[in-house]
Amino acid sequence: MYYKNLFNLKNKVAVVTGAAGLLGKEFVRALSENGATVIAADIAKEKESKLNKFYGQLEAEVHFKHLDINKTKSISELINFADRNYKKIDIWVNSAYPKTKDWGVKLESIPVRSWQKNVDAHLNGYCFCCRAAAEYMKKKKSGGSIINLASIYGILGPDFSIYKNTNMTMPAAYSAIKGGIINFTRYLASYYGEYNVRVNCISPGGILDKQPKIFIKKYQDKTPLKRMAVKEDISGGVVYLASDSAKYVTGQNLVIDGGWSII
């Protein structure tokens, strides 16, 4: 029964940042349904009661905890909570998506301070979380899996034609942030490999989320599988990288994009 149990996350403790988001919420469900105890972390305290109602329907144990990924004290408090209650963290998923209110302004119009705030909140927040999680796993000498959410726009230039006749665009800082996350993932994988701490990232393609019909049509036409991703498409990659199926996988960028990046 070796292969049947490879994806079993029973007795594993997972942290998911950005747990109130479109993908984060689904990652909590996926990890939970595969047996993990999950600490669902998010900055949105006001969503706690609604999320707890959702978590109550899941089979495994889930706890909501407030987390600001830009504050090292907040990260430490979450890790201390996990240590007090479970004595370990086996899986850490970074899926938070902080952004300023002017996110999406055209490149030539982005205020310097806005660019700095977005890079600081998103890229640096992921870096702080990764370092804290990896150091904790190293200290515990039990290894672990860290998974960062990147994007196809961390490895590709945007096709701006798909945004024409919509109010959408691909924010410039997003490319810089996600590209940085991908290469920092490689750095971490090399740095912590000797401690059996695996660090990988996932680069999703476009995810269906109430976009304009004209955009959806253009996106689908350009994608070999002829559809946008749904949130469940990305969750399978998280479960894989978190599980023993990927115990010899580190420093990789798993692209889940329906073939967008191959043409």
C-alpha atoms as a PDB file:
ATOM      1  CA  MET A   1       0.000   0.000   0.000  1.00  0.00           C
ATOM      2  CA  TYR A   2       3.043   2.266  -0.376  1.00  0.00           C
ATOM      3  CA  TYR A   3       1.781   4.322  -3.308  1.00  0.00           C
ATOM      4  CA  LYS A   4      -1.775   4.573  -2.025  1.00  0.00           C
ATOM      5  CA  ASN A   5      -0.565   6.388   1.084  1.00  0.00           C
ATOM      6  CA  LEU A   6       1.849   8.797  -0.585  1.00  0.00           C
ATOM      7  CA  PHE A   7      -0.683  11.640  -0.653  1.00  0.00           C
ATOM      8  CA  ASN A   8      -1.926  10.962   2.881  1.00  0.00           C
ATOM      9  CA  LEU A   9      -1.262  14.014   5.079  1.00  0.00           C
ATOM     10  CA  LYS A  10      -2.558  12.513   8.309  1.00  0.00           C
ATOM     11  CA  ASN A  11      -0.556  13.680  11.352  1.00  0.00           C
ATOM     12  CA  LYS A  12       0.856  16.579   9.315  1.00  0.00           C
ATOM     13  CA  VAL A  13       0.451  20.187  10.455  1.00  0.00           C
ATOM     14  CA  ALA A  14       0.053  22.805   7.728  1.00  0.00           C
ATOM     15  CA  VAL A  15      -0.005  26.611   7.694  1.00  0.00           C
ATOM     16  CA  VAL A  16      -1.757  28.399   4.824  1.00  0.00           C
ATOM     17  CA  THR A  17      -1.292  32.168   4.549  1.00  0.00           C
ATOM     18  CA  GLY A  18      -3.898  34.179   2.698  1.00  0.00           C
ATOM     19  CA  ALA A  19      -6.407  31.550   3.805  1.00  0.00           C
ATOM     20  CA  ALA A  20      -9.401  33.813   3.193  1.00  0.00           C
ATOM     21  CA  GLY A  21      -8.529  34.300  -0.476  1.00  0.00           C
ATOM     22  CA  LEU A  22      -9.877  32.516  -3.535  1.00  0.00           C
ATOM     23  CA  LEU A  23      -6.994  30.037  -3.647  1.00  0.00           C
ATOM     24  CA  GLY A  24      -6.031  30.053   0.011  1.00  0.00           C
ATOM     25  CA  LYS A  25      -9.458  28.910   1.123  1.00  0.00           C
ATOM     26  CA  GLU A  26      -9.337  26.044  -1.375  1.00  0.00           C
ATOM     27  CA  PHE A  27      -5.847  25.044  -0.233  1.00  0.00           C
ATOM     28  CA  VAL A  28      -7.135  24.775   3.331  1.00  0.00           C
ATOM     29  CA  ARG A  29      -9.898  22.470   2.129  1.00  0.00           C
ATOM     30  CA  ALA A  30      -7.573  20.330   0.001  1.00  0.00           C
ATOM     31  CA  LEU A  31      -4.977  19.843   2.735  1.00  0.00           C
ATOM     32  CA  SER A  32      -7.680  19.177   5.304  1.00  0.00           C
ATOM     33  CA  GLU A  33      -9.463  16.595   3.151  1.00  0.00           C
ATOM     34  CA  ASN A  34      -6.153  14.769   2.780  1.00  0.00           C
ATOM     35  CA  GLY A  35      -5.813  14.528   6.549  1.00  0.00           C
ATOM     36  CA  ALA A  36      -3.673  17.513   7.589  1.00  0.00           C
ATOM     37  CA  THR A  37      -4.376  19.696  10.585  1.00  0.00           C
ATOM     38  CA  VAL A  38      -4.450  23.211   9.130  1.00  0.00           C
ATOM     39  CA  ILE A  39      -3.740  26.618  10.623  1.00  0.00           C
ATOM     40  CA  ALA A  40      -5.577  28.998   8.305  1.00  0.00           C
ATOM     41  CA  ALA A  41      -3.792  32.349   8.557  1.00  0.00           C
ATOM     42  CA  ASP A  42      -5.018  35.641   7.149  1.00  0.00           C
ATOM     43  CA  ILE A  43      -4.880  39.363   7.895  1.00  0.00           C
ATOM     44  CA  ALA A  44      -8.685  39.655   7.541  1.00  0.00           C
ATOM     45  CA  LYS A  45      -9.928  39.280  11.110  1.00  0.00           C
ATOM     46  CA  GLU A  46     -13.408  40.337  10.026  1.00  0.00           C
ATOM     47  CA  LYS A  47     -13.769  37.114   8.003  1.00  0.00           C
ATOM     48  CA  GLU A  48     -12.989  34.807  10.925  1.00  0.00           C
ATOM     49  CA  SER A  49     -16.575  33.856  11.828  1.00  0.00           C
ATOM     50  CA  LYS A  50     -17.533  33.185   8.208  1.00  0.00           C
ATOM     51  CA  LEU A  51     -14.403  31.123   7.643  1.00  0.00           C
ATOM     52  CA  ASN A  52     -14.886  29.139  10.837  1.00  0.00           C
ATOM     53  CA  LYS A  53     -18.344  28.166   9.594  1.00  0.00           C
ATOM     54  CA  PHE A  54     -16.737  26.881   6.407  1.00  0.00           C
ATOM     55  CA  TYR A  55     -13.957  25.106   8.311  1.00  0.00           C
ATOM     56  CA  GLY A  56     -16.511  23.406  10.544  1.00  0.00           C
ATOM     57  CA  GLN A  57     -17.702  21.426   7.527  1.00  0.00           C
ATOM     58  CA  LEU A  58     -14.262  19.927   6.937  1.00  0.00           C
ATOM     59  CA  GLU A  59     -13.155  16.565   8.240  1.00  0.00           C
ATOM     60  CA  ALA A  60      -9.813  17.505   9.786  1.00  0.00           C
ATOM     61  CA  GLU A  61      -8.953  20.111  12.407  1.00  0.00           C
ATOM     62  CA  VAL A  62      -8.701  23.720  11.158  1.00  0.00           C
ATOM     63  CA  HIS A  63      -7.884  26.841  13.187  1.00  0.00           C
ATOM     64  CA  PHE A  64      -8.117  30.439  11.983  1.00  0.00           C
ATOM     65  CA  LYS A  65      -5.255  32.670  13.136  1.00  0.00           C
ATOM     66  CA  HIS A  66      -4.636  36.319  12.352  1.00  0.00           C
ATOM     67  CA  LEU A  67      -1.390  36.929  10.442  1.00  0.00           C
ATOM     68  CA  ASP A  68       0.257  39.980   8.935  1.00  0.00           C
ATOM     69  CA  ILE A  69       3.032  38.604   6.713  1.00  0.00           C
ATOM     70  CA  ASN A  70       4.814  41.970   6.820  1.00  0.00           C
ATOM     71  CA  LYS A  71       5.354  41.815  10.567  1.00  0.00           C
ATOM     72  CA  THR A  72       7.951  39.403  11.868  1.00  0.00           C
ATOM     73  CA  LYS A  73       6.304  39.529  15.300  1.00  0.00           C
ATOM     74  CA  SER A  74       3.016  38.346  13.808  1.00  0.00           C
ATOM     75  CA  ILE A  75       4.791  35.503  12.002  1.00  0.00           C
ATOM     76  CA  SER A  76       6.586  34.485  15.209  1.00  0.00           C
ATOM     77  CA  GLU A  77       3.312  34.501  17.139  1.00  0.00           C
ATOM     78  CA  LEU A  78       1.753  32.126  14.634  1.00  0.00           C
ATOM     79  CA  ILE A  79       4.741  29.774  14.757  1.00  0.00           C
ATOM     80  CA  ASN A  80       4.667  29.848  18.558  1.00  0.00           C
ATOM     81  CA  PHE A  81       0.958  28.944  18.447  1.00  0.00           C
ATOM     82  CA  ALA A  82       1.736  25.944  16.245  1.00  0.00           C
ATOM     83  CA  ASP A  83       4.615  24.896  18.495  1.00  0.00           C
ATOM     84  CA  ARG A  84       2.555  25.142  21.699  1.00  0.00           C
ATOM     85  CA  ASN A  85      -0.352  23.185  20.284  1.00  0.00           C
ATOM     86  CA  TYR A  86       1.237  20.741  17.848  1.00  0.00           C
ATOM     87  CA  LYS A  87       5.008  20.822  18.469  1.00  0.00           C
ATOM     88  CA  LYS A  88       5.707  21.070  14.740  1.00  0.00           C
ATOM     89  CA  ILE A  89       4.936  22.542  11.330  1.00  0.00           C
ATOM     90  CA  ASP A  90       5.287  20.151   8.408  1.00  0.00           C
ATOM     91  CA  ILE A  91       3.848  22.277   5.593  1.00  0.00           C
ATOM     92  CA  TRP A  92       3.828  26.020   4.972  1.00  0.00           C
ATOM     93  CA  VAL A  93       1.921  27.451   2.006  1.00  0.00           C
ATOM     94  CA  ASN A  94       2.393  31.119   1.086  1.00  0.00           C
ATOM     95  CA  SER A  95      -0.700  32.223  -0.823  1.00  0.00           C
ATOM     96  CA  ALA A  96      -1.349  35.683   0.616  1.00  0.00           C
ATOM     97  CA  TYR A  97      -1.945  38.385  -2.004  1.00  0.00           C
ATOM     98  CA  PRO A  98      -1.457  41.838  -0.444  1.00  0.00           C
ATOM     99  CA  LYS A  99      -1.817  44.843  -2.748  1.00  0.00           C
ATOM    100  CA  THR A 100      -2.428  48.577  -2.632  1.00  0.00           C
ATOM    101  CA  LYS A 101      -5.668  50.251  -3.705  1.00  0.00           C
ATOM    102  CA  ASP A 102      -4.050  51.560  -6.878  1.00  0.00           C
ATOM    103  CA  TRP A 103      -2.958  48.067  -7.930  1.00  0.00           C
ATOM    104  CA  GLY A 104      -3.264  47.827 -11.705  1.00  0.00           C
ATOM    105  CA  VAL A 105      -2.297  51.405 -12.588  1.00  0.00           C
ATOM    106  CA  LYS A 106      -0.412  51.575 -15.889  1.00  0.00           C
ATOM    107  CA  LEU A 107       3.369  51.302 -15.596  1.00  0.00           C
ATOM    108  CA  GLU A 108       4.060  54.918 -16.557  1.00  0.00           C
ATOM    109  CA  SER A 109       1.625  56.145 -13.887  1.00  0.00           C
ATOM    110  CA  ILE A 110       2.673  54.016 -10.901  1.00  0.00           C
ATOM    111  CA  PRO A 111       3.731  56.196  -7.961  1.00  0.00           C
ATOM    112  CA  VAL A 112       7.150  55.227  -6.607  1.00  0.00           C
ATOM    113  CA  ARG A 113       5.729  54.733  -3.143  1.00  0.00           C
ATOM    114  CA  SER A 114       3.024  52.409  -4.475  1.00  0.00           C
ATOM    115  CA  TRP A 115       5.602  50.216  -6.207  1.00  0.00           C
ATOM    116  CA  GLN A 116       7.686  50.080  -3.050  1.00  0.00           C
ATOM    117  CA  LYS A 117       4.701  49.200  -0.856  1.00  0.00           C
ATOM    118  CA  ASN A 118       3.586  46.354  -3.125  1.00  0.00           C
ATOM    119  CA  VAL A 119       7.045  44.819  -3.373  1.00  0.00           C
ATOM    120  CA  ASP A 120       7.484  45.175   0.375  1.00  0.00           C
ATOM    121  CA  ALA A 121       4.090  43.713   1.246  1.00  0.00           C
ATOM    122  CA  HIS A 122       4.107  40.801  -1.189  1.00  0.00           C
ATOM    123  CA  LEU A 123       7.673  39.764  -2.053  1.00  0.00           C
ATOM    124  CA  ASN A 124       9.250  40.668   1.267  1.00  0.00           C
ATOM    125  CA  GLY A 125       6.315  39.217   3.196  1.00  0.00           C
ATOM    126  CA  TYR A 126       6.826  35.867   1.471  1.00  0.00           C
ATOM    127  CA  CYS A 127      10.553  36.053   2.206  1.00  0.00           C
ATOM    128  CA  PHE A 128       9.971  36.715   5.916  1.00  0.00           C
ATOM    129  CA  CYS A 129       7.510  33.823   6.153  1.00  0.00           C
ATOM    130  CA  CYS A 130       9.837  31.445   4.297  1.00  0.00           C
ATOM    131  CA  ARG A 131      12.797  32.267   6.500  1.00  0.00           C
ATOM    132  CA  ALA A 132      10.828  31.882   9.714  1.00  0.00           C
ATOM    133  CA  ALA A 133       9.202  28.610   8.618  1.00  0.00           C
ATOM    134  CA  ALA A 134      12.458  27.124   7.317  1.00  0.00           C
ATOM    135  CA  GLU A 135      14.383  28.064  10.454  1.00  0.00           C
ATOM    136  CA  TYR A 136      11.675  26.504  12.607  1.00  0.00           C
ATOM    137  CA  MET A 137      11.729  23.284  10.554  1.00  0.00           C
ATOM    138  CA  LYS A 138      15.537  23.236  10.718  1.00  0.00           C
ATOM    139  CA  LYS A 139      15.444  23.640  14.498  1.00  0.00           C
ATOM    140  CA  LYS A 140      12.943  20.792  14.860  1.00  0.00           C
ATOM    141  CA  LYS A 141      15.148  18.521  12.680  1.00  0.00           C
ATOM    142  CA  SER A 142      12.066  16.968  11.110  1.00  0.00           C
ATOM    143  CA  GLY A 143      12.207  18.575   7.667  1.00  0.00           C
ATOM    144  CA  GLY A 144       9.194  20.043   5.938  1.00  0.00           C
ATOM    145  CA  SER A 145       7.684  21.440   2.764  1.00  0.00           C
ATOM    146  CA  ILE A 146       7.367  25.142   1.944  1.00  0.00           C
ATOM    147  CA  ILE A 147       5.237  26.065  -1.071  1.00  0.00           C
ATOM    148  CA  ASN A 148       5.157  29.552  -2.577  1.00  0.00           C
ATOM    149  CA  LEU A 149       2.471  30.804  -4.940  1.00  0.00           C
ATOM    150  CA  ALA A 150       4.070  32.443  -7.955  1.00  0.00           C
ATOM    151  CA  SER A 151       2.569  32.954 -11.432  1.00  0.00           C
ATOM    152  CA  ILE A 152       3.176  32.330 -15.116  1.00  0.00           C
ATOM    153  CA  TYR A 153       3.870  36.081 -15.230  1.00  0.00           C
ATOM    154  CA  GLY A 154       6.918  35.407 -13.082  1.00  0.00           C
ATOM    155  CA  ILE A 155       8.421  33.508 -16.019  1.00  0.00           C
ATOM    156  CA  LEU A 156       6.690  35.098 -19.045  1.00  0.00           C
ATOM    157  CA  GLY A 157       5.952  38.537 -20.362  1.00  0.00           C
ATOM    158  CA  PRO A 158       2.238  39.414 -20.453  1.00  0.00           C
ATOM    159  CA  ASP A 159       0.186  39.231 -23.624  1.00  0.00           C
ATOM    160  CA  PHE A 160      -1.494  42.624 -23.361  1.00  0.00           C
ATOM    161  CA  SER A 161      -3.808  41.900 -26.279  1.00  0.00           C
ATOM    162  CA  ILE A 162      -6.066  39.791 -24.079  1.00  0.00           C
ATOM    163  CA  TYR A 163      -6.799  42.834 -21.893  1.00  0.00           C
ATOM    164  CA  LYS A 164      -7.975  45.080 -24.734  1.00  0.00           C
ATOM    165  CA  ASN A 165     -11.527  46.443 -24.398  1.00  0.00           C
ATOM    166  CA  THR A 166     -11.588  45.594 -20.683  1.00  0.00           C
ATOM    167  CA  ASN A 167     -10.692  47.543 -17.551  1.00  0.00           C
ATOM    168  CA  MET A 168      -8.110  44.873 -16.711  1.00  0.00           C
ATOM    169  CA  THR A 169      -4.346  44.784 -17.081  1.00  0.00           C
ATOM    170  CA  MET A 170      -1.359  42.900 -15.718  1.00  0.00           C
ATOM    171  CA  PRO A 171       0.161  45.038 -12.930  1.00  0.00           C
ATOM    172  CA  ALA A 172       3.838  45.707 -13.541  1.00  0.00           C
ATOM    173  CA  ALA A 173       4.908  45.031  -9.954  1.00  0.00           C
ATOM    174  CA  TYR A 174       3.267  41.607 -10.135  1.00  0.00           C
ATOM    175  CA  SER A 175       5.841  40.384 -12.668  1.00  0.00           C
ATOM    176  CA  ALA A 176       8.737  41.623 -10.555  1.00  0.00           C
ATOM    177  CA  ILE A 177       7.282  40.134  -7.369  1.00  0.00           C
ATOM    178  CA  LYS A 178       6.463  36.713  -8.769  1.00  0.00           C
ATOM    179  CA  GLY A 179       9.750  36.462 -10.655  1.00  0.00           C
ATOM    180  CA  GLY A 180      11.561  37.235  -7.416  1.00  0.00           C
ATOM    181  CA  ILE A 181       9.570  34.624  -5.524  1.00  0.00           C
ATOM    182  CA  ILE A 182      10.472  31.935  -8.069  1.00  0.00           C
ATOM    183  CA  ASN A 183      14.210  32.524  -7.818  1.00  0.00           C
ATOM    184  CA  PHE A 184      14.178  33.025  -4.058  1.00  0.00           C
ATOM    185  CA  THR A 185      12.472  29.625  -3.867  1.00  0.00           C
ATOM    186  CA  ARG A 186      15.504  28.131  -5.633  1.00  0.00           C
ATOM    187  CA  TYR A 187      17.839  29.904  -3.234  1.00  0.00           C
ATOM    188  CA  LEU A 188      15.969  28.557  -0.212  1.00  0.00           C
ATOM    189  CA  ALA A 189      15.868  25.035  -1.624  1.00  0.00           C
ATOM    190  CA  SER A 190      19.651  25.070  -1.973  1.00  0.00           C
ATOM    191  CA  TYR A 191      20.215  26.718   1.401  1.00  0.00           C
ATOM    192  CA  TYR A 192      17.987  24.415   3.478  1.00  0.00           C
ATOM    193  CA  GLY A 193      18.255  21.181   1.498  1.00  0.00           C
ATOM    194  CA  GLU A 194      20.689  19.579   3.935  1.00  0.00           C
ATOM    195  CA  TYR A 195      18.030  19.915   6.648  1.00  0.00           C
ATOM    196  CA  ASN A 196      15.417  18.117   4.506  1.00  0.00           C
ATOM    197  CA  VAL A 197      13.419  21.311   4.144  1.00  0.00           C
ATOM    198  CA  ARG A 198      11.958  21.272   0.644  1.00  0.00           C
ATOM    199  CA  VAL A 199      10.994  24.582  -0.972  1.00  0.00           C
ATOM    200  CA  ASN A 200       8.986  24.718  -4.203  1.00  0.00           C
ATOM    201  CA  CYS A 201       6.603  27.077  -5.901  1.00  0.00           C
ATOM    202  CA  ILE A 202       3.517  26.845  -8.067  1.00  0.00           C
ATOM    203  CA  SER A 203       2.880  29.156 -11.012  1.00  0.00           C
ATOM    204  CA  PRO A 204      -0.800  29.148 -11.955  1.00  0.00           C
ATOM    205  CA  GLY A 205      -2.175  30.486 -15.179  1.00  0.00           C
ATOM    206  CA  GLY A 206      -5.302  32.631 -15.251  1.00  0.00           C
ATOM    207  CA  ILE A 207      -7.980  31.524 -12.804  1.00  0.00           C
ATOM    208  CA  LEU A 208     -11.662  31.967 -13.558  1.00  0.00           C
ATOM    209  CA  ASP A 209     -13.026  34.628 -11.212  1.00  0.00           C
ATOM    210  CA  LYS A 210     -15.859  36.679 -12.746  1.00  0.00           C
ATOM    211  CA  GLN A 211     -13.686  38.294 -15.434  1.00  0.00           C
ATOM    212  CA  PRO A 212     -15.353  40.013 -18.430  1.00  0.00           C
ATOM    213  CA  LYS A 213     -16.590  37.583 -21.090  1.00  0.00           C
ATOM    214  CA  ILE A 214     -14.370  39.137 -23.765  1.00  0.00           C
ATOM    215  CA  PHE A 215     -11.280  38.506 -21.640  1.00  0.00           C
ATOM    216  CA  ILE A 216     -12.299  34.923 -20.872  1.00  0.00           C
ATOM    217  CA  LYS A 217     -12.848  34.227 -24.578  1.00  0.00           C
ATOM    218  CA  LYS A 218      -9.438  35.618 -25.547  1.00  0.00           C
ATOM    219  CA  TYR A 219      -7.715  33.731 -22.754  1.00  0.00           C
ATOM    220  CA  GLN A 220      -9.379  30.444 -23.644  1.00  0.00           C
ATOM    221  CA  ASP A 221      -8.540  30.836 -27.335  1.00  0.00           C
ATOM    222  CA  LYS A 222      -4.852  31.212 -26.488  1.00  0.00           C
ATOM    223  CA  THR A 223      -4.742  28.222 -24.092  1.00  0.00           C
ATOM    224  CA  PRO A 224      -4.215  24.679 -25.461  1.00  0.00           C
ATOM    225  CA  LEU A 225      -6.803  23.219 -23.048  1.00  0.00           C
ATOM    226  CA  LYS A 226      -9.233  25.957 -24.160  1.00  0.00           C
ATOM    227  CA  ARG A 227     -10.321  27.057 -20.716  1.00  0.00           C
ATOM    228  CA  MET A 228      -9.165  29.099 -17.752  1.00  0.00           C
ATOM    229  CA  ALA A 229      -8.151  27.333 -14.567  1.00  0.00           C
ATOM    230  CA  VAL A 230     -10.536  26.827 -11.679  1.00  0.00           C
ATOM    231  CA  LYS A 231      -9.300  26.918  -8.109  1.00  0.00           C
ATOM    232  CA  GLU A 232      -9.423  23.126  -7.744  1.00  0.00           C
ATOM    233  CA  ASP A 233      -6.878  22.791 -10.570  1.00  0.00           C
ATOM    234  CA  ILE A 234      -4.230  24.488  -8.444  1.00  0.00           C
ATOM    235  CA  SER A 235      -4.977  22.680  -5.180  1.00  0.00           C
ATOM    236  CA  GLY A 236      -3.806  19.321  -6.518  1.00  0.00           C
ATOM    237  CA  GLY A 237      -0.333  20.760  -6.994  1.00  0.00           C
ATOM    238  CA  VAL A 238      -0.257  21.973  -3.394  1.00  0.00           C
ATOM    239  CA  VAL A 239      -1.239  18.549  -2.057  1.00  0.00           C
ATOM    240  CA  TYR A 240       1.398  16.900  -4.260  1.00  0.00           C
ATOM    241  CA  LEU A 241       4.238  19.179  -3.144  1.00  0.00           C
ATOM    242  CA  ALA A 242       3.151  18.910   0.487  1.00  0.00           C
ATOM    243  CA  SER A 243       3.060  15.119   0.439  1.00  0.00           C
ATOM    244  CA  ASP A 244       5.622  12.322   0.391  1.00  0.00           C
ATOM    245  CA  SER A 245       4.950  11.926  -3.329  1.00  0.00           C
ATOM    246  CA  ALA A 246       7.283  14.901  -3.737  1.00  0.00           C
ATOM    247  CA  LYS A 247       9.799  13.991  -1.058  1.00  0.00           C
ATOM    248  CA  TYR A 248      12.651  14.205  -3.600  1.00  0.00           C
ATOM    249  CA  VAL A 249      11.382  17.401  -5.232  1.00  0.00           C
ATOM    250  CA  THR A 250      12.804  20.766  -4.228  1.00  0.00           C
ATOM    251  CA  GLY A 251      13.629  24.078  -5.892  1.00  0.00           C
ATOM    252  CA  GLN A 252      11.048  23.504  -8.617  1.00  0.00           C
ATOM    253  CA  ASN A 253       8.433  25.750 -10.176  1.00  0.00           C
ATOM    254  CA  LEU A 254       5.328  23.701 -10.963  1.00  0.00           C
ATOM    255  CA  VAL A 255       3.486  25.465 -13.788  1.00  0.00           C
ATOM    256  CA  ILE A 256      -0.274  24.800 -13.841  1.00  0.00           C
ATOM    257  CA  ASP A 257      -1.588  26.786 -16.788  1.00  0.00           C
ATOM    258  CA  GLY A 258      -3.431  24.549 -19.234  1.00  0.00           C
ATOM    259  CA  GLY A 259      -0.478  24.820 -21.586  1.00  0.00           C
ATOM    260  CA  TRP A 260      -0.445  28.630 -21.838  1.00  0.00           C
ATOM    261  CA  SER A 261       3.334  28.841 -21.370  1.00  0.00           C
ATOM    262  CA  ILE A 262       4.285  26.203 -23.946  1.00  0.00           C
ATOM    263  CA  ILE A 263       3.233  28.183 -27.029  1.00  0.00           C
END
